[in-house]
């Protein structure tokens, strides 16, 4: 999945214009219960203003709070001026960038603002990939890394009429082995299904029912 598939489009985004004061920007953040906001000069992306950065700049200013917040423009405290996305990136690669930051802007080649991707968007997408919010049975197992193993897994699941909710694979330290986590709907044939997997070389690590 690409960033453009899960981004919040600009017409749905909350933004601040460059000449908004910090006081006005904080009021927007408070009103919408958010921690960061893209800052624009009309349609051009300038950076992101966060609650943390606003208060950090105030503490470093040696000015009275009300005076500083009312006289300082948000464009003067933006960060991530050069850190943005263009939409074609794989969304999972944004997770580390968003680990300690609430959002990243998406822009076109002319720096026109297109939308944002937030930390919660990425986490929600991972939850969906793992089927976190759907009841079922989660089976973790390993397989040798050979051609056709995922196809064989699918064939076995089809034989047992298993409905696959999610399927995620991970590389092991040993590149010849791959970990696989499959979530399926709960049925009465789990034991027979997992025995068949083991007969075909899939080593079961754990079986857990998710309510």
N, C-alpha and C. Protein backbone atom coordinates (compact mmCIF):
# COMPACT_ATOMS: atom_id res chain seq x y z
N UNK A 1 0.85 -1.19 0.00
CA UNK A 1 0.00 0.00 0.00
C UNK A 1 0.89 1.24 0.00
N UNK A 2 0.45 2.26 -0.72
CA UNK A 2 1.22 3.48 -0.83
C UNK A 2 0.64 4.57 0.07
N UNK A 3 1.51 5.54 0.38
CA UNK A 3 1.09 6.67 1.22
C UNK A 3 -0.16 7.32 0.65
N UNK A 4 -0.22 7.50 -0.66
CA UNK A 4 -1.36 8.20 -1.26
C UNK A 4 -2.67 7.46 -1.03
N UNK A 5 -2.60 6.14 -0.74
CA UNK A 5 -3.82 5.37 -0.52
C UNK A 5 -4.43 5.59 0.85
N UNK A 6 -3.62 6.06 1.80
CA UNK A 6 -4.16 6.23 3.16
C UNK A 6 -4.04 7.67 3.66
N UNK A 7 -3.53 8.57 2.83
CA UNK A 7 -3.37 9.94 3.31
C UNK A 7 -4.73 10.63 3.47
N UNK A 8 -4.77 11.61 4.34
CA UNK A 8 -5.94 12.47 4.49
C UNK A 8 -5.80 13.60 3.49
N UNK A 9 -6.75 13.73 2.57
CA UNK A 9 -6.67 14.75 1.53
C UNK A 9 -6.77 16.15 2.12
N UNK A 10 -6.21 17.11 1.41
CA UNK A 10 -6.07 18.47 1.95
C UNK A 10 -7.40 19.10 2.34
N UNK A 11 -8.48 18.76 1.60
CA UNK A 11 -9.77 19.38 1.93
C UNK A 11 -10.34 18.86 3.25
N UNK A 12 -9.74 17.79 3.78
CA UNK A 12 -10.17 17.26 5.07
C UNK A 12 -9.18 17.60 6.18
N UNK A 13 -8.09 18.27 5.83
CA UNK A 13 -7.04 18.56 6.80
C UNK A 13 -7.28 19.88 7.53
N UNK A 14 -6.79 19.93 8.73
CA UNK A 14 -6.76 21.17 9.51
C UNK A 14 -5.37 21.76 9.32
N UNK A 15 -5.29 22.99 8.83
CA UNK A 15 -4.02 23.63 8.54
C UNK A 15 -3.99 25.03 9.16
N UNK A 16 -2.80 25.61 9.17
CA UNK A 16 -2.63 27.00 9.60
C UNK A 16 -1.89 27.75 8.52
N UNK A 17 -2.28 28.99 8.31
CA UNK A 17 -1.55 29.83 7.36
C UNK A 17 -0.34 30.45 8.04
N UNK A 18 0.63 30.82 7.23
CA UNK A 18 1.94 31.24 7.72
C UNK A 18 1.88 32.36 8.74
N UNK A 19 0.98 33.33 8.56
CA UNK A 19 0.93 34.50 9.43
C UNK A 19 -0.05 34.37 10.59
N UNK A 20 -0.50 33.15 10.85
CA UNK A 20 -1.27 32.93 12.08
C UNK A 20 -0.32 33.06 13.26
N UNK A 21 -0.80 33.62 14.35
CA UNK A 21 0.05 33.73 15.54
C UNK A 21 0.10 32.38 16.24
N UNK A 22 1.07 32.24 17.14
CA UNK A 22 1.16 31.01 17.92
C UNK A 22 -0.08 30.84 18.79
N UNK A 23 -0.59 31.94 19.29
CA UNK A 23 -1.81 31.87 20.10
C UNK A 23 -2.97 31.30 19.28
N UNK A 24 -3.14 31.79 18.07
CA UNK A 24 -4.20 31.30 17.20
C UNK A 24 -3.98 29.82 16.86
N UNK A 25 -2.73 29.47 16.63
CA UNK A 25 -2.42 28.08 16.28
C UNK A 25 -2.70 27.14 17.44
N UNK A 26 -2.32 27.54 18.64
CA UNK A 26 -2.62 26.72 19.81
C UNK A 26 -4.12 26.54 20.01
N UNK A 27 -4.87 27.58 19.72
CA UNK A 27 -6.33 27.48 19.84
C UNK A 27 -6.88 26.44 18.86
N UNK A 28 -6.30 26.38 17.66
CA UNK A 28 -6.73 25.37 16.68
C UNK A 28 -6.37 23.97 17.18
N UNK A 29 -5.15 23.83 17.69
CA UNK A 29 -4.71 22.53 18.21
C UNK A 29 -5.61 22.06 19.35
N UNK A 30 -5.93 22.98 20.24
CA UNK A 30 -6.79 22.64 21.38
C UNK A 30 -8.19 22.28 20.91
N UNK A 31 -8.73 23.06 20.01
CA UNK A 31 -10.09 22.84 19.55
C UNK A 31 -10.26 21.46 18.92
N UNK A 32 -9.25 21.03 18.17
CA UNK A 32 -9.37 19.77 17.42
C UNK A 32 -8.64 18.61 18.11
N UNK A 33 -8.07 18.87 19.29
CA UNK A 33 -7.40 17.82 20.08
C UNK A 33 -6.30 17.12 19.26
N UNK A 34 -5.45 17.93 18.64
CA UNK A 34 -4.34 17.40 17.86
C UNK A 34 -3.03 17.99 18.35
N UNK A 35 -1.91 17.34 17.99
CA UNK A 35 -0.60 17.76 18.48
C UNK A 35 0.23 18.49 17.44
N UNK A 36 -0.18 18.44 16.18
CA UNK A 36 0.60 19.09 15.14
C UNK A 36 -0.28 19.52 13.99
N UNK A 37 0.22 20.49 13.21
CA UNK A 37 -0.59 21.04 12.13
C UNK A 37 0.31 21.50 10.99
N UNK A 38 -0.04 21.19 9.73
CA UNK A 38 0.75 21.70 8.60
C UNK A 38 0.58 23.21 8.48
N UNK A 39 1.66 23.87 8.14
CA UNK A 39 1.64 25.33 7.98
C UNK A 39 1.86 25.63 6.50
N UNK A 40 0.98 26.47 5.95
CA UNK A 40 1.01 26.75 4.52
C UNK A 40 1.15 28.24 4.26
N UNK A 41 1.73 28.56 3.11
CA UNK A 41 1.68 29.91 2.56
C UNK A 41 0.75 29.81 1.35
N UNK A 42 -0.51 30.08 1.57
CA UNK A 42 -1.58 29.79 0.61
C UNK A 42 -1.60 28.28 0.38
N UNK A 43 -1.12 27.78 -0.78
CA UNK A 43 -1.14 26.34 -1.03
C UNK A 43 0.23 25.69 -0.82
N UNK A 44 1.27 26.50 -0.61
CA UNK A 44 2.63 25.98 -0.50
C UNK A 44 2.90 25.47 0.92
N UNK A 45 3.51 24.32 0.98
CA UNK A 45 3.86 23.71 2.26
C UNK A 45 5.11 24.37 2.83
N UNK A 46 5.04 24.82 4.09
CA UNK A 46 6.19 25.45 4.76
C UNK A 46 6.80 24.56 5.84
N UNK A 47 6.01 23.71 6.44
CA UNK A 47 6.51 22.89 7.53
C UNK A 47 5.37 22.49 8.44
N UNK A 48 5.73 21.95 9.60
CA UNK A 48 4.74 21.50 10.58
C UNK A 48 4.99 22.23 11.90
N UNK A 49 3.93 22.70 12.51
CA UNK A 49 4.02 23.30 13.84
C UNK A 49 3.41 22.32 14.84
N UNK A 50 4.14 22.04 15.90
CA UNK A 50 3.64 21.14 16.93
C UNK A 50 3.48 21.89 18.24
N UNK A 51 2.62 21.38 19.06
CA UNK A 51 2.42 21.94 20.39
C UNK A 51 3.76 21.99 21.14
N UNK A 52 4.53 20.90 21.03
CA UNK A 52 5.83 20.83 21.72
C UNK A 52 6.76 21.94 21.25
N UNK A 53 6.86 22.15 19.93
CA UNK A 53 7.78 23.15 19.40
C UNK A 53 7.34 24.56 19.77
N UNK A 54 6.04 24.80 19.79
CA UNK A 54 5.54 26.12 20.16
C UNK A 54 5.95 26.45 21.60
N UNK A 55 5.74 25.52 22.51
CA UNK A 55 6.08 25.79 23.91
C UNK A 55 7.59 25.81 24.12
N UNK A 56 8.32 24.99 23.38
CA UNK A 56 9.78 25.03 23.48
C UNK A 56 10.30 26.40 23.05
N UNK A 57 9.76 26.94 21.96
CA UNK A 57 10.22 28.25 21.48
C UNK A 57 9.86 29.34 22.48
N UNK A 58 8.72 29.21 23.12
CA UNK A 58 8.34 30.20 24.15
C UNK A 58 9.31 30.16 25.32
N UNK A 59 9.62 28.96 25.82
CA UNK A 59 10.52 28.86 26.98
C UNK A 59 11.92 29.39 26.66
N UNK A 60 12.31 29.32 25.40
CA UNK A 60 13.63 29.81 25.00
C UNK A 60 13.64 31.30 24.66
N UNK A 61 12.46 31.92 24.66
CA UNK A 61 12.36 33.31 24.20
C UNK A 61 12.65 34.34 25.28
N UNK A 62 12.51 33.94 26.54
CA UNK A 62 12.67 34.87 27.67
C UNK A 62 11.68 36.03 27.60
N UNK A 63 10.52 35.80 27.04
CA UNK A 63 9.47 36.81 26.97
C UNK A 63 8.28 36.38 27.81
N UNK A 64 7.39 37.33 28.06
CA UNK A 64 6.14 36.99 28.72
C UNK A 64 5.31 36.10 27.79
N UNK A 65 4.66 35.13 28.39
CA UNK A 65 3.95 34.12 27.59
C UNK A 65 2.93 34.75 26.64
N UNK A 66 2.01 35.55 27.14
CA UNK A 66 0.96 36.12 26.31
C UNK A 66 1.53 37.00 25.20
N UNK A 67 2.54 37.77 25.58
CA UNK A 67 3.17 38.65 24.59
C UNK A 67 3.82 37.85 23.48
N UNK A 68 4.56 36.81 23.86
CA UNK A 68 5.26 36.00 22.86
C UNK A 68 4.29 35.27 21.95
N UNK A 69 3.29 34.61 22.53
CA UNK A 69 2.35 33.82 21.73
C UNK A 69 1.51 34.70 20.81
N UNK A 70 1.24 35.92 21.22
CA UNK A 70 0.41 36.81 20.42
C UNK A 70 1.18 37.56 19.35
N UNK A 71 2.50 37.62 19.48
CA UNK A 71 3.29 38.42 18.53
C UNK A 71 4.17 37.58 17.61
N UNK A 72 4.22 36.29 17.84
CA UNK A 72 5.09 35.42 17.03
C UNK A 72 4.24 34.65 16.04
N UNK A 73 4.71 34.61 14.80
CA UNK A 73 3.98 33.91 13.75
C UNK A 73 4.35 32.42 13.74
N UNK A 74 3.39 31.60 13.36
CA UNK A 74 3.63 30.16 13.37
C UNK A 74 4.71 29.77 12.36
N UNK A 75 4.85 30.52 11.28
CA UNK A 75 5.87 30.19 10.28
C UNK A 75 7.28 30.23 10.87
N UNK A 76 7.43 30.93 12.00
CA UNK A 76 8.75 31.08 12.60
C UNK A 76 9.16 29.90 13.47
N UNK A 77 8.24 28.96 13.72
CA UNK A 77 8.58 27.84 14.61
C UNK A 77 8.35 26.49 13.93
N UNK A 78 8.17 26.48 12.61
CA UNK A 78 7.89 25.20 11.94
C UNK A 78 9.14 24.33 11.91
N UNK A 79 8.89 23.04 11.84
CA UNK A 79 9.96 22.05 11.63
C UNK A 79 9.56 21.21 10.41
N UNK A 80 10.42 20.27 10.05
CA UNK A 80 10.15 19.34 8.96
C UNK A 80 9.91 20.07 7.63
N UNK A 81 10.62 21.18 7.45
CA UNK A 81 10.50 21.91 6.19
C UNK A 81 10.93 21.04 5.00
N UNK A 82 11.95 20.22 5.21
CA UNK A 82 12.47 19.37 4.14
C UNK A 82 12.08 17.92 4.31
N UNK A 83 11.27 17.63 5.32
CA UNK A 83 10.86 16.25 5.58
C UNK A 83 9.38 16.12 5.25
N UNK A 84 9.11 15.52 4.09
CA UNK A 84 7.72 15.37 3.63
C UNK A 84 7.65 14.16 2.72
N UNK A 85 6.46 13.83 2.30
CA UNK A 85 6.23 12.69 1.42
C UNK A 85 5.65 13.17 0.09
N UNK A 86 5.75 12.31 -0.92
CA UNK A 86 5.22 12.68 -2.23
C UNK A 86 4.12 11.74 -2.70
N UNK A 87 3.73 10.78 -1.86
CA UNK A 87 2.59 9.92 -2.15
C UNK A 87 2.92 8.55 -2.67
N UNK A 88 4.07 8.41 -3.32
CA UNK A 88 4.41 7.12 -3.91
C UNK A 88 5.20 6.20 -2.99
N UNK A 89 5.48 6.66 -1.77
CA UNK A 89 6.24 5.84 -0.84
C UNK A 89 5.38 4.70 -0.27
N UNK A 90 6.02 3.59 0.07
CA UNK A 90 5.32 2.52 0.76
C UNK A 90 4.98 2.98 2.16
N UNK A 91 3.73 2.81 2.57
CA UNK A 91 3.29 3.40 3.83
C UNK A 91 4.04 2.82 5.02
N UNK A 92 4.42 1.53 4.95
CA UNK A 92 5.07 0.93 6.11
C UNK A 92 6.44 1.55 6.40
N UNK A 93 7.06 2.15 5.38
CA UNK A 93 8.36 2.78 5.60
C UNK A 93 8.25 4.11 6.33
N UNK A 94 7.03 4.60 6.50
CA UNK A 94 6.85 5.86 7.22
C UNK A 94 6.76 5.66 8.72
N UNK A 95 6.66 4.41 9.17
CA UNK A 95 6.42 4.17 10.60
C UNK A 95 7.54 4.72 11.47
N UNK A 96 8.78 4.53 11.07
CA UNK A 96 9.89 5.04 11.87
C UNK A 96 9.91 6.57 11.89
N UNK A 97 9.57 7.18 10.75
CA UNK A 97 9.54 8.65 10.70
C UNK A 97 8.46 9.21 11.63
N UNK A 98 7.38 8.45 11.81
CA UNK A 98 6.27 8.93 12.62
C UNK A 98 6.31 8.41 14.06
N UNK A 99 7.36 7.68 14.38
CA UNK A 99 7.45 7.10 15.72
C UNK A 99 7.38 8.17 16.80
N UNK A 100 8.06 9.28 16.59
CA UNK A 100 8.10 10.34 17.59
C UNK A 100 7.56 11.66 17.06
N UNK A 101 6.75 11.58 16.00
CA UNK A 101 6.23 12.80 15.39
C UNK A 101 4.81 12.53 14.91
N UNK A 102 3.87 13.47 15.10
CA UNK A 102 2.46 13.15 14.87
C UNK A 102 2.03 13.02 13.42
N UNK A 103 2.74 13.70 12.49
CA UNK A 103 2.26 13.67 11.10
C UNK A 103 3.38 14.04 10.14
N UNK A 104 3.17 13.66 8.88
CA UNK A 104 4.02 14.11 7.78
C UNK A 104 3.13 14.64 6.67
N UNK A 105 3.57 15.70 6.04
CA UNK A 105 2.81 16.28 4.93
C UNK A 105 3.11 15.52 3.64
N UNK A 106 2.13 15.54 2.74
CA UNK A 106 2.30 15.01 1.39
C UNK A 106 2.19 16.19 0.43
N UNK A 107 3.19 16.33 -0.45
CA UNK A 107 3.22 17.48 -1.34
C UNK A 107 3.48 17.02 -2.78
N UNK A 108 3.19 17.91 -3.72
CA UNK A 108 3.51 17.61 -5.12
C UNK A 108 4.90 18.16 -5.44
N UNK A 109 5.40 17.96 -6.67
CA UNK A 109 6.76 18.41 -7.00
C UNK A 109 6.98 19.91 -6.86
N UNK A 110 5.90 20.70 -6.84
CA UNK A 110 6.04 22.15 -6.68
C UNK A 110 5.82 22.60 -5.23
N UNK A 111 5.82 21.64 -4.32
CA UNK A 111 5.63 21.92 -2.89
C UNK A 111 4.21 22.34 -2.54
N UNK A 112 3.28 22.12 -3.44
CA UNK A 112 1.89 22.38 -3.10
C UNK A 112 1.39 21.28 -2.16
N UNK A 113 0.68 21.69 -1.14
CA UNK A 113 0.21 20.77 -0.11
C UNK A 113 -0.92 19.90 -0.66
N UNK A 114 -0.80 18.57 -0.46
CA UNK A 114 -1.80 17.62 -0.94
C UNK A 114 -2.58 16.96 0.19
N UNK A 115 -1.94 16.83 1.35
CA UNK A 115 -2.60 16.16 2.47
C UNK A 115 -1.58 15.74 3.50
N UNK A 116 -2.00 14.87 4.41
CA UNK A 116 -1.10 14.40 5.46
C UNK A 116 -1.29 12.90 5.69
N UNK A 117 -0.29 12.31 6.29
CA UNK A 117 -0.41 10.97 6.85
C UNK A 117 -0.02 11.08 8.32
N UNK A 118 -0.82 10.50 9.17
CA UNK A 118 -0.59 10.62 10.60
C UNK A 118 -0.12 9.30 11.18
N UNK A 119 0.45 9.40 12.37
CA UNK A 119 0.90 8.21 13.08
C UNK A 119 -0.26 7.24 13.29
N UNK A 120 -1.42 7.77 13.65
CA UNK A 120 -2.56 6.88 13.91
C UNK A 120 -3.04 6.19 12.62
N UNK A 121 -2.89 6.88 11.46
CA UNK A 121 -3.25 6.25 10.18
C UNK A 121 -2.40 5.02 9.92
N UNK A 122 -1.10 5.17 10.16
CA UNK A 122 -0.17 4.06 9.90
C UNK A 122 -0.44 2.91 10.85
N UNK A 123 -0.65 3.23 12.13
CA UNK A 123 -0.93 2.18 13.12
C UNK A 123 -2.22 1.46 12.77
N UNK A 124 -3.24 2.21 12.35
CA UNK A 124 -4.52 1.60 11.97
C UNK A 124 -4.34 0.65 10.78
N UNK A 125 -3.48 1.04 9.84
CA UNK A 125 -3.24 0.19 8.67
C UNK A 125 -2.54 -1.10 9.07
N UNK A 126 -1.59 -1.01 10.02
CA UNK A 126 -0.94 -2.21 10.51
C UNK A 126 -1.94 -3.09 11.26
N UNK A 127 -2.82 -2.49 12.04
CA UNK A 127 -3.84 -3.26 12.75
C UNK A 127 -4.73 -4.00 11.76
N UNK A 128 -5.08 -3.33 10.67
CA UNK A 128 -5.89 -3.96 9.64
C UNK A 128 -5.15 -5.12 8.99
N UNK A 129 -3.85 -4.91 8.70
CA UNK A 129 -3.05 -5.96 8.06
C UNK A 129 -2.98 -7.21 8.94
N UNK A 130 -2.94 -7.02 10.27
CA UNK A 130 -2.86 -8.13 11.20
C UNK A 130 -4.24 -8.63 11.62
N UNK A 131 -5.30 -7.97 11.16
CA UNK A 131 -6.64 -8.39 11.57
C UNK A 131 -6.89 -8.23 13.05
N UNK A 132 -6.31 -7.18 13.64
CA UNK A 132 -6.33 -7.01 15.09
C UNK A 132 -7.75 -6.93 15.64
N UNK A 133 -8.63 -6.25 14.94
CA UNK A 133 -9.96 -6.00 15.48
C UNK A 133 -11.00 -7.02 15.04
N UNK A 134 -10.55 -8.12 14.46
CA UNK A 134 -11.49 -9.17 14.04
C UNK A 134 -11.22 -10.45 14.82
N UNK A 135 -12.25 -11.09 15.33
CA UNK A 135 -12.04 -12.35 16.06
C UNK A 135 -11.57 -13.43 15.12
N UNK A 136 -10.80 -14.37 15.65
CA UNK A 136 -10.29 -15.46 14.84
C UNK A 136 -9.20 -16.20 15.57
N UNK A 137 -8.49 -17.03 14.84
CA UNK A 137 -7.40 -17.82 15.40
C UNK A 137 -6.11 -17.41 14.70
N UNK A 138 -5.12 -17.02 15.48
CA UNK A 138 -3.84 -16.58 14.94
C UNK A 138 -2.83 -17.73 15.05
N UNK A 139 -2.29 -18.14 13.91
CA UNK A 139 -1.33 -19.24 13.87
C UNK A 139 0.01 -18.69 13.41
N UNK A 140 1.03 -18.88 14.23
CA UNK A 140 2.39 -18.46 13.87
C UNK A 140 3.20 -19.71 13.54
N UNK A 141 3.93 -19.67 12.43
CA UNK A 141 4.73 -20.82 12.05
C UNK A 141 5.90 -20.37 11.19
N UNK A 142 6.81 -21.28 10.94
CA UNK A 142 7.96 -20.98 10.09
C UNK A 142 7.94 -21.89 8.88
N UNK A 143 8.63 -21.43 7.85
CA UNK A 143 8.75 -22.21 6.62
C UNK A 143 10.11 -21.95 6.00
N UNK A 144 10.65 -22.95 5.35
CA UNK A 144 11.88 -22.72 4.60
C UNK A 144 11.57 -21.74 3.48
N UNK A 145 12.54 -20.95 3.12
CA UNK A 145 12.37 -19.90 2.10
C UNK A 145 12.63 -20.51 0.73
N UNK A 146 11.58 -21.12 0.15
CA UNK A 146 11.70 -21.68 -1.19
C UNK A 146 10.53 -21.20 -2.04
N UNK A 147 10.72 -21.25 -3.32
CA UNK A 147 9.69 -20.78 -4.24
C UNK A 147 8.42 -21.61 -4.10
N UNK A 148 7.28 -20.94 -4.07
CA UNK A 148 6.00 -21.63 -4.07
C UNK A 148 5.45 -21.97 -2.70
N UNK A 149 6.14 -21.56 -1.61
CA UNK A 149 5.66 -21.94 -0.28
C UNK A 149 4.36 -21.22 0.08
N UNK A 150 4.25 -19.94 -0.26
CA UNK A 150 3.01 -19.22 0.04
C UNK A 150 1.86 -19.80 -0.79
N UNK A 151 2.15 -20.16 -2.03
CA UNK A 151 1.12 -20.78 -2.87
C UNK A 151 0.67 -22.11 -2.27
N UNK A 152 1.62 -22.88 -1.76
CA UNK A 152 1.27 -24.16 -1.12
C UNK A 152 0.43 -23.92 0.12
N UNK A 153 0.78 -22.93 0.89
CA UNK A 153 0.00 -22.58 2.08
C UNK A 153 -1.43 -22.23 1.69
N UNK A 154 -1.60 -21.47 0.64
CA UNK A 154 -2.93 -21.09 0.18
C UNK A 154 -3.73 -22.31 -0.28
N UNK A 155 -3.05 -23.24 -0.94
CA UNK A 155 -3.73 -24.45 -1.39
C UNK A 155 -4.26 -25.26 -0.22
N UNK A 156 -3.45 -25.38 0.83
CA UNK A 156 -3.89 -26.14 2.02
C UNK A 156 -5.07 -25.44 2.68
N UNK A 157 -4.98 -24.12 2.80
CA UNK A 157 -6.08 -23.36 3.40
C UNK A 157 -7.35 -23.55 2.58
N UNK A 158 -7.21 -23.58 1.25
CA UNK A 158 -8.37 -23.77 0.38
C UNK A 158 -8.98 -25.16 0.57
N UNK A 159 -8.11 -26.17 0.72
CA UNK A 159 -8.59 -27.54 0.94
C UNK A 159 -9.46 -27.64 2.18
N UNK A 160 -9.12 -26.88 3.19
CA UNK A 160 -9.86 -26.92 4.46
C UNK A 160 -10.92 -25.82 4.54
N UNK A 161 -11.12 -25.12 3.43
CA UNK A 161 -12.13 -24.06 3.37
C UNK A 161 -11.92 -23.00 4.46
N UNK A 162 -10.66 -22.69 4.70
CA UNK A 162 -10.33 -21.68 5.71
C UNK A 162 -10.48 -20.29 5.11
N UNK A 163 -11.09 -19.42 5.88
CA UNK A 163 -11.19 -18.01 5.47
C UNK A 163 -10.03 -17.26 6.11
N UNK A 164 -9.10 -16.78 5.29
CA UNK A 164 -7.92 -16.09 5.80
C UNK A 164 -8.25 -14.62 6.04
N UNK A 165 -8.15 -14.19 7.30
CA UNK A 165 -8.39 -12.80 7.66
C UNK A 165 -7.16 -11.95 7.36
N UNK A 166 -5.99 -12.47 7.71
CA UNK A 166 -4.74 -11.74 7.43
C UNK A 166 -3.61 -12.74 7.29
N UNK A 167 -2.59 -12.31 6.55
CA UNK A 167 -1.40 -13.13 6.34
C UNK A 167 -0.21 -12.20 6.25
N UNK A 168 0.71 -12.35 7.20
CA UNK A 168 1.89 -11.48 7.26
C UNK A 168 3.12 -12.36 7.37
N UNK A 169 4.17 -12.02 6.62
CA UNK A 169 5.41 -12.79 6.69
C UNK A 169 6.55 -11.91 7.18
N UNK A 170 7.52 -12.55 7.82
CA UNK A 170 8.69 -11.86 8.36
C UNK A 170 9.93 -12.66 7.99
N UNK A 171 11.02 -11.96 7.70
CA UNK A 171 12.30 -12.64 7.50
C UNK A 171 12.89 -13.01 8.85
N UNK A 172 13.40 -14.20 8.96
CA UNK A 172 14.17 -14.60 10.13
C UNK A 172 15.61 -14.10 9.96
N UNK A 173 16.38 -14.17 11.03
CA UNK A 173 17.80 -13.84 10.93
C UNK A 173 18.46 -14.73 9.89
N UNK A 174 18.09 -16.00 9.93
CA UNK A 174 18.52 -16.94 8.90
C UNK A 174 17.66 -16.68 7.66
N UNK A 175 18.25 -16.21 6.59
CA UNK A 175 17.49 -15.82 5.41
C UNK A 175 16.86 -17.00 4.69
N UNK A 176 17.18 -18.24 5.12
CA UNK A 176 16.58 -19.40 4.50
C UNK A 176 15.27 -19.79 5.17
N UNK A 177 14.92 -19.09 6.24
CA UNK A 177 13.70 -19.39 6.98
C UNK A 177 12.83 -18.14 7.06
N UNK A 178 11.53 -18.31 6.92
CA UNK A 178 10.60 -17.18 7.00
C UNK A 178 9.54 -17.49 8.04
N UNK A 179 9.25 -16.49 8.88
CA UNK A 179 8.14 -16.60 9.82
C UNK A 179 6.86 -16.11 9.15
N UNK A 180 5.78 -16.78 9.45
CA UNK A 180 4.48 -16.43 8.87
C UNK A 180 3.45 -16.38 9.99
N UNK A 181 2.64 -15.34 9.99
CA UNK A 181 1.52 -15.25 10.93
C UNK A 181 0.24 -15.17 10.12
N UNK A 182 -0.60 -16.17 10.31
CA UNK A 182 -1.87 -16.25 9.58
C UNK A 182 -3.03 -16.17 10.58
N UNK A 183 -4.00 -15.35 10.28
CA UNK A 183 -5.20 -15.30 11.11
C UNK A 183 -6.37 -15.81 10.28
N UNK A 184 -7.10 -16.78 10.84
CA UNK A 184 -8.22 -17.38 10.14
C UNK A 184 -9.45 -17.35 11.03
N UNK A 185 -10.62 -17.51 10.40
CA UNK A 185 -11.84 -17.59 11.19
C UNK A 185 -11.83 -18.87 12.02
N UNK A 186 -12.40 -18.76 13.22
CA UNK A 186 -12.44 -19.92 14.12
C UNK A 186 -13.38 -20.98 13.58
N UNK A 187 -12.86 -22.23 13.44
CA UNK A 187 -13.67 -23.37 13.00
C UNK A 187 -13.28 -24.57 13.84
N UNK A 188 -13.95 -25.68 13.60
CA UNK A 188 -13.70 -26.89 14.41
C UNK A 188 -12.58 -27.76 13.85
N UNK A 189 -11.95 -27.33 12.77
CA UNK A 189 -10.94 -28.19 12.14
C UNK A 189 -9.52 -27.65 12.29
N UNK A 190 -9.29 -26.80 13.30
CA UNK A 190 -7.96 -26.19 13.46
C UNK A 190 -6.89 -27.25 13.63
N UNK A 191 -7.17 -28.29 14.44
CA UNK A 191 -6.16 -29.33 14.67
C UNK A 191 -5.80 -30.05 13.38
N UNK A 192 -6.79 -30.40 12.59
CA UNK A 192 -6.51 -31.09 11.32
C UNK A 192 -5.77 -30.17 10.35
N UNK A 193 -6.16 -28.91 10.35
CA UNK A 193 -5.52 -27.94 9.46
C UNK A 193 -4.05 -27.77 9.82
N UNK A 194 -3.75 -27.60 11.10
CA UNK A 194 -2.35 -27.39 11.50
C UNK A 194 -1.52 -28.67 11.32
N UNK A 195 -2.13 -29.84 11.49
CA UNK A 195 -1.39 -31.09 11.24
C UNK A 195 -1.00 -31.18 9.77
N UNK A 196 -1.93 -30.77 8.91
CA UNK A 196 -1.64 -30.79 7.47
C UNK A 196 -0.51 -29.82 7.14
N UNK A 197 -0.52 -28.65 7.78
CA UNK A 197 0.57 -27.71 7.57
C UNK A 197 1.91 -28.33 7.95
N UNK A 198 1.94 -29.01 9.10
CA UNK A 198 3.19 -29.62 9.57
C UNK A 198 3.64 -30.75 8.65
N UNK A 199 2.68 -31.49 8.09
CA UNK A 199 3.03 -32.55 7.14
C UNK A 199 3.75 -32.00 5.92
N UNK A 200 3.45 -30.73 5.61
CA UNK A 200 4.06 -30.11 4.43
C UNK A 200 5.22 -29.19 4.80
N UNK A 201 5.77 -29.37 5.99
CA UNK A 201 7.01 -28.68 6.35
C UNK A 201 6.85 -27.34 7.02
N UNK A 202 5.63 -26.93 7.36
CA UNK A 202 5.41 -25.69 8.10
C UNK A 202 5.49 -26.02 9.60
N UNK A 203 6.42 -25.40 10.30
CA UNK A 203 6.61 -25.70 11.73
C UNK A 203 5.79 -24.73 12.58
N UNK A 204 4.80 -25.25 13.29
CA UNK A 204 3.90 -24.42 14.09
C UNK A 204 4.62 -23.91 15.33
N UNK A 205 4.54 -22.58 15.55
CA UNK A 205 5.15 -21.97 16.73
C UNK A 205 4.13 -21.70 17.81
N UNK A 206 2.95 -21.23 17.43
CA UNK A 206 1.92 -20.94 18.42
C UNK A 206 0.57 -20.85 17.74
N UNK A 207 -0.47 -21.10 18.53
CA UNK A 207 -1.85 -20.98 18.08
C UNK A 207 -2.59 -20.21 19.17
N UNK A 208 -3.20 -19.11 18.79
CA UNK A 208 -3.86 -18.25 19.77
C UNK A 208 -5.19 -17.78 19.24
N UNK A 209 -6.22 -17.90 20.07
CA UNK A 209 -7.54 -17.42 19.68
C UNK A 209 -7.68 -15.96 20.11
N UNK A 210 -8.11 -15.10 19.19
CA UNK A 210 -8.36 -13.69 19.47
C UNK A 210 -9.86 -13.48 19.54
N UNK A 211 -10.33 -12.94 20.64
CA UNK A 211 -11.76 -12.68 20.81
C UNK A 211 -12.16 -11.42 20.04
